[in-house]
Amino acid sequence: MRFFLCKDKSKFTKSLSIEQYGDWYFIRDNINVWEGPDYLVLYCGYLIEGDIIEACKNFSFNDENGNFFAIKLTKDTYEISLDYFQNHKIFVADKYGIEISNYIPYMTINKEDIVRTEPLDCDNFERELSDNETTTFYEHIKSFLPSYDYLQDVKDAIDQEVWKNEDELAEYIHECMLSHSDVIKENYTNRFISLSEGIDSAVQSQYFYFDQQYLYDFSPCDAGEMHLKYIKIQQAKFPNTNHYTFYSEDNKKECIEHLVDSSCRWQSILPTSKQINMCIEKPDIVLYGVNGNEMFVRDLVSHMLLLCLKYYEVDTEQMKRNMLNDLVLKQSHYGVTYSLPSAENEITVDIYIRKFLREWFLEDIETRHYLYKKSYEEFEHALLMLCTPKLYTRMISANNDVMCSSLYNDRRIYHEYLKMDNRFLEGNALDGPIQRTILKKFNHSFTTPSNDVLVGDYEELFTTTYEATHERDLGQYI
């Protein structure tokens, strides 16, 4: 699934099948080519709807719904397109002549190009949607950033109130997920289905029920034995499963052995990358249930921001009381915390709420004015940001050289829950009502009581990144 293209044939020093189009020379592995009278398209992936050949003919990929990347080449120019959810990474550099690839080690890199060795960061919202998150260890290489307006898309969705009935929306999303899964089954035979104790992967795995489900537990983690307990409960509900334990004491060794993409910002997903590498036969596609939390606004911080917008007023103390009183009614909801309650877990719901109050109201700061709070626009911006997609799938596709998808990464459905009547968003969104309705269609009894983001020690997975990857990046592979 890797490729490299440039305009200098002398860069290809190995025995490779080099192809040419105009001024361009390129190599490719499992990458398709469509050639028209005026340009050529290198592409990989699938469309959920429509004909990918028609998308090549019109180069309409930016308007399409699917999981893909495409590069349009004229005799001397190029144009890149990535799907809306950026399930792939494309790197571009021009210091040594134009170079485009999805694999950094193919690109020209000298030691003097190294400008940083510390782990690369996402933004404060854990997103990678700005120029700051396109950086790599190398000054001249950046990841391609498509021009989608994610914030405006979320704002437009929230401003609408299209859906008045949760059951009708659940049926629509179910039908879309069913058709999306059918496309995947038609195109990819050997499927790796990532399964956890969480509700997002529980829903996704219903559509691939008889496929092999891959689970892992992280040891130690804040949820302790409760984490492993609900992993095992989930595992028992599927006929074909594989489970292993990832030990944080081995973080450095695991990073060196399994991290390939030096531009990675989500090393916490490395346990899944390792599990993919452990497969006897490399999968054709990985299903990783990302963006359910974002799509359904089922995150505690997102919900508190939503409530703050609902209750925003001059009297800050009254605004906080209204928000907190609202939350009290939702203490049993699935999304009200980030970690399963257990004897070992000292992180309570109250701790998360206090942290939010300190950040947004300067709670417990003696010098603050009693009416202080951040502006309405700041609350709104943060909510919009937290409803934009996370890019976990591209960590796996770039690191493991494999297609990676999520049934939540579908333009037909991603913004639809935001278009619910506001009373639903402000009501029981934290408890995942749409997903629970979908699970009932499969007679699946979901018992995990809360979110569990696997709070644990991941530090060495991040701090070892440069050591694990830079020598490979500096090697000569073409």
Protein backbone atom coordinates (compact mmCIF):
# COMPACT_ATOMS: atom_id res chain seq x y z
CA MET A 1 0.00 0.00 0.00
CA ARG A 2 3.11 2.20 -0.12
CA PHE A 3 4.25 4.48 -2.90
CA PHE A 4 6.88 7.07 -3.70
CA LEU A 5 6.96 9.57 -6.54
CA CYS A 6 9.40 12.25 -7.63
CA LYS A 7 10.87 13.79 -10.78
CA ASP A 8 14.41 12.44 -10.41
CA LYS A 9 14.92 8.90 -11.68
CA SER A 10 18.42 8.74 -10.20
CA LYS A 11 16.88 8.47 -6.70
CA PHE A 12 15.82 4.90 -7.50
CA THR A 13 18.97 2.90 -6.74
CA LYS A 14 17.39 -0.48 -5.96
CA SER A 15 15.96 -3.08 -8.32
CA LEU A 16 12.43 -1.76 -8.38
CA SER A 17 9.63 -1.63 -10.91
CA ILE A 18 9.80 2.07 -11.75
CA GLU A 19 6.93 3.61 -13.70
CA GLN A 20 6.86 6.96 -15.49
CA TYR A 21 4.23 9.51 -16.40
CA GLY A 22 5.44 12.76 -17.95
CA ASP A 23 8.14 14.17 -15.67
CA TRP A 24 7.12 11.82 -12.82
CA TYR A 25 8.76 8.56 -11.74
CA PHE A 26 7.07 6.37 -9.17
CA ILE A 27 6.94 3.01 -7.45
CA ARG A 28 3.81 1.51 -5.91
CA ASP A 29 2.65 -1.53 -3.96
CA ASN A 30 -1.06 -2.39 -4.03
CA ILE A 31 -1.82 1.07 -5.39
CA ASN A 32 -4.21 1.35 -8.33
CA VAL A 33 -3.64 3.47 -11.43
CA TRP A 34 -6.24 5.10 -13.66
CA GLU A 35 -5.03 6.89 -16.76
CA GLY A 36 -7.08 9.36 -18.80
CA PRO A 37 -6.18 11.46 -21.82
CA ASP A 38 -4.78 14.36 -19.77
CA TYR A 39 -3.77 12.98 -16.39
CA LEU A 40 -3.11 9.88 -14.33
CA VAL A 41 -4.48 9.01 -10.87
CA LEU A 42 -2.77 6.87 -8.26
CA TYR A 43 -5.38 5.75 -5.74
CA CYS A 44 -6.03 3.30 -2.95
CA GLY A 45 -9.11 2.44 -0.90
CA TYR A 46 -12.85 2.35 -1.45
CA LEU A 47 -15.96 4.50 -1.74
CA ILE A 48 -18.94 3.80 0.50
CA GLU A 49 -21.18 5.18 -2.25
CA GLY A 50 -20.54 5.74 -5.93
CA ASP A 51 -17.98 4.53 -8.44
CA ILE A 52 -14.30 5.10 -7.70
CA ILE A 53 -13.45 5.08 -11.42
CA GLU A 54 -15.88 7.95 -11.96
CA ALA A 55 -14.16 9.75 -9.09
CA CYS A 56 -10.87 9.27 -10.94
CA LYS A 57 -12.31 10.55 -14.22
CA ASN A 58 -13.65 13.69 -12.56
CA PHE A 59 -11.07 13.77 -9.77
CA SER A 60 -13.98 14.42 -7.43
CA PHE A 61 -12.49 12.65 -4.41
CA ASN A 62 -12.87 15.63 -2.07
CA ASP A 63 -16.63 15.31 -2.52
CA GLU A 64 -16.71 11.54 -2.08
CA ASN A 65 -17.56 9.40 0.95
CA GLY A 66 -15.14 6.61 1.69
CA ASN A 67 -11.69 5.58 2.82
CA PHE A 68 -9.02 6.52 0.28
CA PHE A 69 -6.15 8.62 -0.90
CA ALA A 70 -5.60 9.75 -4.46
CA ILE A 71 -2.86 11.65 -6.28
CA LYS A 72 -3.62 13.25 -9.63
CA LEU A 73 -0.60 13.68 -11.91
CA THR A 74 -0.48 15.78 -15.04
CA LYS A 75 2.75 15.71 -17.03
CA ASP A 76 4.42 18.02 -14.49
CA THR A 77 1.96 18.91 -11.67
CA TYR A 78 0.19 17.07 -8.88
CA GLU A 79 -2.92 17.27 -6.71
CA ILE A 80 -3.56 15.23 -3.54
CA SER A 81 -6.90 14.14 -2.11
CA LEU A 82 -7.57 12.46 1.22
CA ASP A 83 -10.90 11.19 2.48
CA TYR A 84 -12.77 13.38 4.99
CA PHE A 85 -11.66 11.32 8.00
CA GLN A 86 -8.01 11.21 6.91
CA ASN A 87 -7.71 7.45 7.22
CA HIS A 88 -4.27 7.78 5.58
CA LYS A 89 -1.16 9.96 5.77
CA ILE A 90 0.58 11.48 2.77
CA PHE A 91 3.96 13.21 3.20
CA VAL A 92 5.26 15.97 0.94
CA ALA A 93 8.76 17.50 0.71
CA ASP A 94 10.53 19.73 -1.81
CA LYS A 95 14.04 20.34 -0.42
CA TYR A 96 15.57 17.68 -2.67
CA GLY A 97 13.09 18.13 -5.48
CA ILE A 98 9.42 17.35 -5.05
CA GLU A 99 8.82 14.05 -3.24
CA ILE A 100 5.46 12.54 -2.26
CA SER A 101 4.98 9.32 -0.31
CA ASN A 102 3.00 7.65 2.46
CA TYR A 103 6.20 6.15 3.92
CA ILE A 104 8.83 8.52 5.33
CA PRO A 105 11.79 6.09 4.91
CA TYR A 106 11.31 6.31 1.11
CA MET A 107 12.02 10.05 1.21
CA THR A 108 15.38 11.81 0.99
CA ILE A 109 16.59 12.65 4.51
CA ASN A 110 20.03 13.69 5.75
CA LYS A 111 21.11 14.10 9.36
CA GLU A 112 21.13 17.89 9.04
CA ASP A 113 17.38 17.75 8.25
CA ILE A 114 16.60 16.60 11.80
CA VAL A 115 15.16 19.58 13.68
CA ARG A 116 13.48 17.89 16.63
CA THR A 117 13.73 14.62 18.52
CA GLU A 118 11.03 15.08 21.16
CA PRO A 119 7.67 13.31 20.73
CA LEU A 120 5.28 15.12 18.40
CA ASP A 121 2.09 16.51 19.93
CA CYS A 122 -1.55 16.90 19.00
CA ASP A 123 -3.23 20.20 19.88
CA ASN A 124 -4.90 20.89 23.23
CA PHE A 125 -8.04 19.14 22.00
CA GLU A 126 -6.12 16.02 20.91
CA ARG A 127 -6.72 16.91 17.27
CA GLU A 128 -4.42 17.01 14.22
CA LEU A 129 -6.30 19.46 12.05
CA SER A 130 -3.90 22.42 11.78
CA ASP A 131 -0.49 23.11 10.25
CA ASN A 132 1.13 22.62 13.66
CA GLU A 133 0.26 18.91 13.53
CA THR A 134 1.77 18.37 10.06
CA THR A 135 5.33 18.57 11.38
CA THR A 136 7.74 15.64 11.51
CA PHE A 137 11.23 15.22 12.94
CA TYR A 138 12.51 16.57 9.63
CA GLU A 139 12.32 20.23 8.67
CA HIS A 140 11.45 19.65 5.02
CA ILE A 141 8.84 16.88 5.40
CA LYS A 142 5.24 17.58 6.35
CA SER A 143 2.08 15.54 6.25
CA PHE A 144 -0.55 16.72 3.79
CA LEU A 145 -3.47 18.61 5.35
CA PRO A 146 -6.72 18.56 3.34
CA SER A 147 -8.86 21.69 3.11
CA TYR A 148 -12.05 20.38 4.78
CA ASP A 149 -13.66 22.89 7.16
CA TYR A 150 -14.33 20.60 10.10
CA LEU A 151 -15.37 23.30 12.55
CA GLN A 152 -17.89 24.83 10.19
CA ASP A 153 -19.32 21.41 9.39
CA VAL A 154 -19.95 20.78 13.09
CA LYS A 155 -21.41 24.25 13.59
CA ASP A 156 -23.74 23.82 10.61
CA ALA A 157 -24.94 20.49 12.00
CA ILE A 158 -25.61 21.83 15.50
CA ASP A 159 -27.53 24.77 14.05
CA GLN A 160 -29.99 22.34 12.45
CA GLU A 161 -32.69 20.33 14.20
CA VAL A 162 -33.53 17.70 11.60
CA TRP A 163 -34.18 14.65 13.76
CA LYS A 164 -37.02 14.62 16.29
CA ASN A 165 -37.10 10.87 16.97
CA GLU A 166 -34.16 8.83 18.29
CA ASP A 167 -35.50 5.53 16.96
CA GLU A 168 -35.72 6.89 13.42
CA LEU A 169 -32.15 8.18 13.60
CA ALA A 170 -30.94 4.88 15.05
CA GLU A 171 -32.55 3.02 12.13
CA TYR A 172 -30.92 5.37 9.61
CA ILE A 173 -27.47 4.98 11.17
CA HIS A 174 -27.91 1.20 11.36
CA GLU A 175 -28.77 0.99 7.66
CA CYS A 176 -25.75 3.14 6.78
CA MET A 177 -23.43 1.03 8.92
CA LEU A 178 -24.86 -2.12 7.37
CA SER A 179 -24.22 -0.89 3.83
CA HIS A 180 -20.74 0.36 4.79
CA SER A 181 -19.86 -3.03 6.29
CA ASP A 182 -21.13 -4.75 3.14
CA VAL A 183 -18.75 -2.66 1.03
CA ILE A 184 -15.86 -3.65 3.30
CA LYS A 185 -16.81 -7.34 3.19
CA GLU A 186 -17.05 -7.21 -0.60
CA ASN A 187 -13.58 -5.68 -1.00
CA TYR A 188 -11.55 -7.14 1.88
CA THR A 189 -11.54 -10.82 2.78
CA ASN A 190 -9.16 -11.01 5.73
CA ARG A 191 -10.56 -8.58 8.30
CA PHE A 192 -9.04 -7.67 11.69
CA ILE A 193 -11.78 -6.39 14.03
CA SER A 194 -10.49 -4.48 17.06
CA LEU A 195 -12.79 -5.05 20.04
CA SER A 196 -12.66 -3.53 23.51
CA GLU A 197 -15.03 -3.38 26.47
CA GLY A 198 -16.43 -0.08 25.14
CA ILE A 199 -19.72 0.62 23.44
CA ASP A 200 -18.23 2.02 20.22
CA SER A 201 -16.44 -1.18 19.28
CA ALA A 202 -19.34 -3.30 20.59
CA VAL A 203 -21.63 -1.66 18.03
CA GLN A 204 -19.13 -1.90 15.18
CA SER A 205 -18.33 -5.55 15.86
CA GLN A 206 -21.99 -6.55 15.46
CA TYR A 207 -21.61 -5.93 11.73
CA PHE A 208 -18.62 -8.31 11.62
CA TYR A 209 -19.88 -10.75 14.22
CA PHE A 210 -18.30 -13.92 12.81
CA ASP A 211 -14.95 -12.31 11.98
CA GLN A 212 -12.02 -12.66 14.34
CA GLN A 213 -12.28 -10.09 17.13
CA TYR A 214 -9.00 -8.88 18.65
CA LEU A 215 -8.93 -7.66 22.26
CA TYR A 216 -6.15 -6.66 24.64
CA ASP A 217 -5.87 -5.50 28.20
CA PHE A 218 -3.32 -2.93 29.37
CA SER A 219 -1.47 -3.73 32.59
CA PRO A 220 -1.37 -1.97 34.91
CA CYS A 221 -4.10 0.62 34.37
CA ASP A 222 -6.22 2.74 36.67
CA ALA A 223 -9.30 0.56 36.21
CA GLY A 224 -7.33 -2.50 37.33
CA GLU A 225 -9.20 -5.79 37.50
CA MET A 226 -12.43 -4.11 36.42
CA HIS A 227 -10.86 -3.41 33.03
CA LEU A 228 -9.93 -7.05 32.53
CA LYS A 229 -13.31 -8.20 33.88
CA TYR A 230 -15.30 -6.31 31.25
CA ILE A 231 -12.85 -7.24 28.49
CA LYS A 232 -13.57 -10.89 29.29
CA ILE A 233 -17.33 -10.28 29.44
CA GLN A 234 -17.22 -8.66 26.01
CA GLN A 235 -15.00 -11.42 24.63
CA ALA A 236 -17.48 -14.10 25.71
CA LYS A 237 -20.19 -12.56 23.51
CA PHE A 238 -18.38 -13.28 20.22
CA PRO A 239 -17.58 -16.67 18.69
CA ASN A 240 -14.08 -15.93 17.33
CA THR A 241 -11.71 -13.93 19.51
CA ASN A 242 -8.06 -13.35 20.31
CA HIS A 243 -6.84 -11.69 23.52
CA TYR A 244 -3.44 -10.72 24.90
CA THR A 245 -2.01 -8.53 27.68
CA PHE A 246 0.15 -5.50 26.93
CA TYR A 247 2.51 -4.71 29.84
CA SER A 248 3.54 -1.09 30.28
CA GLU A 249 6.87 -2.16 31.80
CA ASP A 250 7.80 -3.25 28.27
CA ASN A 251 6.85 0.08 26.66
CA LYS A 252 10.33 0.92 25.39
CA LYS A 253 10.97 -2.52 23.92
CA GLU A 254 7.52 -2.62 22.30
CA CYS A 255 7.97 0.84 20.81
CA ILE A 256 11.33 -0.07 19.28
CA GLU A 257 9.91 -3.29 17.87
CA HIS A 258 6.54 -2.11 16.57
CA LEU A 259 6.60 1.64 15.89
CA VAL A 260 7.38 2.45 12.25
CA ASP A 261 5.85 5.87 11.61
CA SER A 262 8.10 8.52 13.16
CA SER A 263 5.37 11.16 12.71
CA CYS A 264 3.01 9.22 15.00
CA ARG A 265 1.11 11.20 17.64
CA TRP A 266 -0.97 8.28 18.96
CA GLN A 267 1.54 5.81 20.39
CA SER A 268 -1.13 4.75 22.90
CA ILE A 269 -2.64 2.72 20.05
CA LEU A 270 0.58 0.71 19.68
CA PRO A 271 -0.90 -2.36 21.45
CA THR A 272 -3.24 -2.75 18.45
CA SER A 273 -0.33 -2.27 16.03
CA LYS A 274 1.53 -5.03 17.85
CA GLN A 275 -1.50 -7.32 17.68
CA ILE A 276 -1.70 -6.73 13.90
CA ASN A 277 1.97 -7.69 13.60
CA MET A 278 1.29 -10.84 15.61
CA CYS A 279 -1.17 -12.11 13.00
CA ILE A 280 0.06 -15.14 11.06
CA GLU A 281 -1.39 -13.64 7.89
CA LYS A 282 -1.40 -9.88 7.51
CA PRO A 283 -5.00 -8.59 7.40
CA ASP A 284 -6.44 -6.83 4.37
CA ILE A 285 -8.16 -4.26 6.57
CA VAL A 286 -8.39 -3.30 10.24
CA LEU A 287 -11.65 -2.09 11.80
CA TYR A 288 -10.97 0.27 14.70
CA GLY A 289 -14.01 1.86 16.35
CA VAL A 290 -12.91 5.46 16.54
CA ASN A 291 -15.17 8.55 16.52
CA GLY A 292 -18.25 7.10 18.18
CA ASN A 293 -17.59 9.33 21.19
CA GLU A 294 -17.26 12.38 18.96
CA MET A 295 -20.17 11.57 16.65
CA PHE A 296 -22.61 11.03 19.52
CA VAL A 297 -21.30 13.83 21.80
CA ARG A 298 -20.90 11.17 24.48
CA ASP A 299 -17.90 12.74 26.21
CA LEU A 300 -18.12 14.27 29.69
CA VAL A 301 -16.22 17.45 28.81
CA SER A 302 -18.24 17.90 25.62
CA HIS A 303 -21.45 17.49 27.59
CA MET A 304 -20.38 20.00 30.24
CA LEU A 305 -19.53 22.50 27.51
CA LEU A 306 -22.95 21.90 25.96
CA LEU A 307 -24.65 22.51 29.30
CA CYS A 308 -22.60 25.66 29.90
CA LEU A 309 -23.84 27.03 26.59
CA LYS A 310 -27.40 26.11 27.56
CA TYR A 311 -27.17 27.83 30.95
CA TYR A 312 -24.79 30.67 30.03
CA GLU A 313 -25.72 33.89 31.89
CA VAL A 314 -24.18 36.84 33.75
CA ASP A 315 -24.59 35.21 37.17
CA THR A 316 -21.69 32.76 37.04
CA GLU A 317 -22.55 30.99 40.29
CA GLN A 318 -26.09 30.32 39.10
CA MET A 319 -24.77 29.10 35.76
CA LYS A 320 -22.47 26.61 37.52
CA ARG A 321 -25.26 25.43 39.83
CA ASN A 322 -27.54 24.79 36.86
CA MET A 323 -24.85 22.84 35.05
CA LEU A 324 -23.88 20.78 38.11
CA ASN A 325 -27.50 20.06 39.07
CA ASP A 326 -28.06 18.80 35.54
CA LEU A 327 -25.03 16.50 35.83
CA VAL A 328 -26.24 15.04 39.12
CA LEU A 329 -29.14 13.47 37.23
CA LYS A 330 -26.69 11.73 34.90
CA GLN A 331 -24.28 10.11 37.36
CA SER A 332 -25.18 6.64 36.08
CA HIS A 333 -24.73 7.51 32.40
CA TYR A 334 -22.07 5.66 30.42
CA GLY A 335 -20.13 8.76 29.37
CA VAL A 336 -20.01 10.54 32.72
CA THR A 337 -16.44 9.36 33.42
CA TYR A 338 -13.35 8.15 31.57
CA SER A 339 -12.33 5.15 33.61
CA LEU A 340 -14.13 2.17 35.08
CA PRO A 341 -14.65 2.51 38.84
CA SER A 342 -12.51 0.10 40.83
CA ALA A 343 -10.77 -0.29 44.18
CA GLU A 344 -7.45 0.74 42.57
CA ASN A 345 -8.89 3.74 40.73
CA GLU A 346 -8.58 7.04 42.55
CA ILE A 347 -9.85 9.12 39.62
CA THR A 348 -13.50 9.86 40.35
CA VAL A 349 -16.13 11.74 38.37
CA ASP A 350 -15.74 14.60 40.82
CA ILE A 351 -12.07 14.97 39.94
CA TYR A 352 -12.93 15.40 36.27
CA ILE A 353 -15.61 17.96 37.12
CA ARG A 354 -13.27 19.93 39.42
CA LYS A 355 -10.65 20.03 36.70
CA PHE A 356 -13.23 21.41 34.27
CA LEU A 357 -14.33 24.08 36.75
CA ARG A 358 -10.73 25.18 37.33
CA GLU A 359 -10.07 25.49 33.61
CA TRP A 360 -13.28 27.24 32.62
CA PHE A 361 -14.24 29.18 35.78
CA LEU A 362 -10.90 29.47 37.63
CA GLU A 363 -12.56 27.59 40.48
CA ASP A 364 -10.44 27.49 43.66
CA ILE A 365 -8.31 30.41 42.45
CA GLU A 366 -8.48 33.00 45.21
CA THR A 367 -7.77 36.00 42.98
CA ARG A 368 -10.53 35.31 40.48
CA HIS A 369 -13.51 37.64 40.19
CA TYR A 370 -16.69 35.95 41.40
CA LEU A 371 -18.35 36.47 38.00
CA TYR A 372 -15.39 35.11 36.03
CA LYS A 373 -15.92 32.53 33.33
CA LYS A 374 -14.65 32.10 29.82
CA SER A 375 -16.64 33.69 27.04
CA TYR A 376 -19.59 32.08 25.31
CA GLU A 377 -17.49 31.94 22.12
CA GLU A 378 -14.72 30.04 23.91
CA PHE A 379 -17.17 27.46 25.25
CA GLU A 380 -18.64 27.10 21.77
CA HIS A 381 -15.26 26.76 20.05
CA ALA A 382 -14.17 24.04 22.46
CA LEU A 383 -17.40 22.10 21.90
CA LEU A 384 -17.02 22.35 18.13
CA MET A 385 -13.42 21.15 18.33
CA LEU A 386 -14.35 18.13 20.46
CA CYS A 387 -16.97 17.14 17.90
CA THR A 388 -14.44 17.00 15.05
CA PRO A 389 -13.02 13.61 14.05
CA LYS A 390 -10.01 12.03 15.71
CA LEU A 391 -7.47 10.50 13.34
CA TYR A 392 -6.65 7.20 15.06
CA THR A 393 -7.14 5.11 11.93
CA ARG A 394 -4.30 6.81 10.07
CA MET A 395 -1.93 5.91 12.89
CA ILE A 396 -2.58 2.26 12.10
CA SER A 397 -2.59 2.59 8.30
CA ALA A 398 0.70 4.54 8.30
CA ASN A 399 2.38 2.37 10.93
CA ASN A 400 1.27 -1.07 9.76
CA ASP A 401 0.91 -0.48 6.01
CA VAL A 402 -2.68 -1.70 6.05
CA MET A 403 -6.12 -0.28 5.34
CA CYS A 404 -7.79 0.86 8.55
CA SER A 405 -11.41 1.92 8.83
CA SER A 406 -14.23 2.71 11.25
CA LEU A 407 -17.95 2.44 10.59
CA TYR A 408 -18.28 5.81 12.33
CA ASN A 409 -16.07 7.36 9.63
CA ASP A 410 -18.95 7.86 7.22
CA ARG A 411 -20.01 11.29 5.97
CA ARG A 412 -23.66 10.16 5.76
CA ILE A 413 -23.91 9.70 9.52
CA TYR A 414 -21.08 11.49 11.33
CA HIS A 415 -22.90 14.80 11.87
CA GLU A 416 -26.46 13.45 12.10
CA TYR A 417 -26.71 13.14 15.88
CA LEU A 418 -25.70 16.80 16.15
CA LYS A 419 -28.81 17.54 14.09
CA MET A 420 -31.06 16.10 16.79
CA ASP A 421 -33.50 18.36 18.59
CA ASN A 422 -31.40 20.12 21.27
CA ARG A 423 -33.38 18.52 24.07
CA PHE A 424 -31.86 15.17 23.08
CA LEU A 425 -28.30 16.53 22.94
CA GLU A 426 -28.74 18.19 26.34
CA GLY A 427 -30.62 15.19 27.69
CA ASN A 428 -29.38 11.61 27.66
CA ALA A 429 -26.60 11.85 25.03
CA LEU A 430 -24.05 10.77 27.67
CA ASP A 431 -25.69 7.35 27.91
CA GLY A 432 -25.38 6.46 24.22
CA PRO A 433 -29.10 6.01 23.44
CA ILE A 434 -28.65 5.55 19.67
CA GLN A 435 -25.94 2.94 20.12
CA ARG A 436 -27.98 1.07 22.72
CA THR A 437 -30.91 0.98 20.31
CA ILE A 438 -28.67 -0.44 17.58
CA LEU A 439 -27.28 -3.09 19.95
CA LYS A 440 -30.83 -4.21 20.73
CA LYS A 441 -31.32 -4.95 17.02
CA PHE A 442 -28.60 -7.60 17.41
CA ASN A 443 -29.87 -8.84 20.78
CA HIS A 444 -26.54 -7.81 22.28
CA SER A 445 -26.59 -7.25 26.02
CA PHE A 446 -24.09 -4.48 26.73
CA THR A 447 -23.00 -4.39 30.38
CA THR A 448 -19.86 -2.21 30.62
CA PRO A 449 -20.98 0.54 33.03
CA SER A 450 -18.84 3.43 31.77
CA ASN A 451 -16.21 4.73 29.43
CA ASP A 452 -12.74 3.29 29.95
CA VAL A 453 -9.98 5.11 28.06
CA LEU A 454 -7.33 2.90 29.65
CA VAL A 455 -5.63 5.46 31.85
CA GLY A 456 -2.12 4.07 32.34
CA ASP A 457 1.58 4.75 31.86
CA TYR A 458 2.30 5.31 28.17
CA GLU A 459 5.24 7.70 28.60
CA GLU A 460 8.01 5.51 27.18
CA LEU A 461 5.92 4.69 24.12
CA PHE A 462 6.19 8.40 23.31
CA THR A 463 9.69 9.23 24.53
CA THR A 464 11.21 6.28 22.63
CA THR A 465 9.72 7.36 19.29
CA TYR A 466 12.84 9.00 17.87
CA GLU A 467 15.09 6.16 18.96
CA ALA A 468 12.70 3.61 17.47
CA THR A 469 12.31 5.24 14.06
CA HIS A 470 15.00 7.71 12.96
CA GLU A 471 17.61 5.19 11.77
CA ARG A 472 14.99 3.55 9.55
CA ASP A 473 13.98 6.96 8.21
CA LEU A 474 17.61 7.74 7.30
CA GLY A 475 18.04 4.45 5.43
CA GLN A 476 17.96 3.94 1.67
CA TYR A 477 15.05 1.82 0.49
CA ILE A 478 14.48 2.87 -3.13
